[in-house]
Amino acid sequence: MEHFVYQNILIVKMAEKMTKVKKYVALTAILILICTLCCIGYINYLSKDVDCLGNFSISNNVEKMSLLISRKMVDGEGIDTLSGGLYRKNVLIARVERTIKYHYQEEQGRYVMTSTAIVKGVHDDISDTQLTGCLAGMYAHQGDKNIVVLKNIGRSGWMVYDTPVPLYFCKRNT
């Protein structure tokens, strides 16, 4: 009888060990799944593709330019769409409505962009002189360059800098 009790105790202990092994296997599988999901999220966070929308405003003592800028940059090709106006004493004096296509290269955290096409909308009546007084030449003249720094601000978007000056926040399009 004693031998039978001893065998039952061994079987119970082995069953407990098997249950612990199953728990460890399940826990390990859950940890691997969590790590995989974190890696996928981190890779998306580090993505170099830019797709965002921002409000840009710059003023001097006389005039103020306010624009809505849509920016999309993928694999060396970019497109910016500008919509807004130039104001003097809070009165609209010129409208901006254009799409700029460009090539870009990343060099030491800076993006060097060269415009390849400028398409003006029907309401765009700003002169190139007025525009280049507020923005880089690439928005007025095909072939001109612009250099900016884009800092990824987590999942929310990018801060756009003309080093060291921050220009605007570009909210990620989802």
Foldseek 3Di string as FASTA:
>chain_A
DVVVVVVVVVVVVVVVVVVVVVVVVVVVVVVVVVVVVVVVLVVVLPDPWAWFWWWFWDDDPFKIWIWIWTWTDDDQKIKIWIWTAMDGPNHGDFTFTKMWIWGWDADPQKIKTATADIGGDPRGDDDLVVVVVPDPNNNPDHGGIDIWGWDRPGQQFTFIGPPPHTGITTGGDD
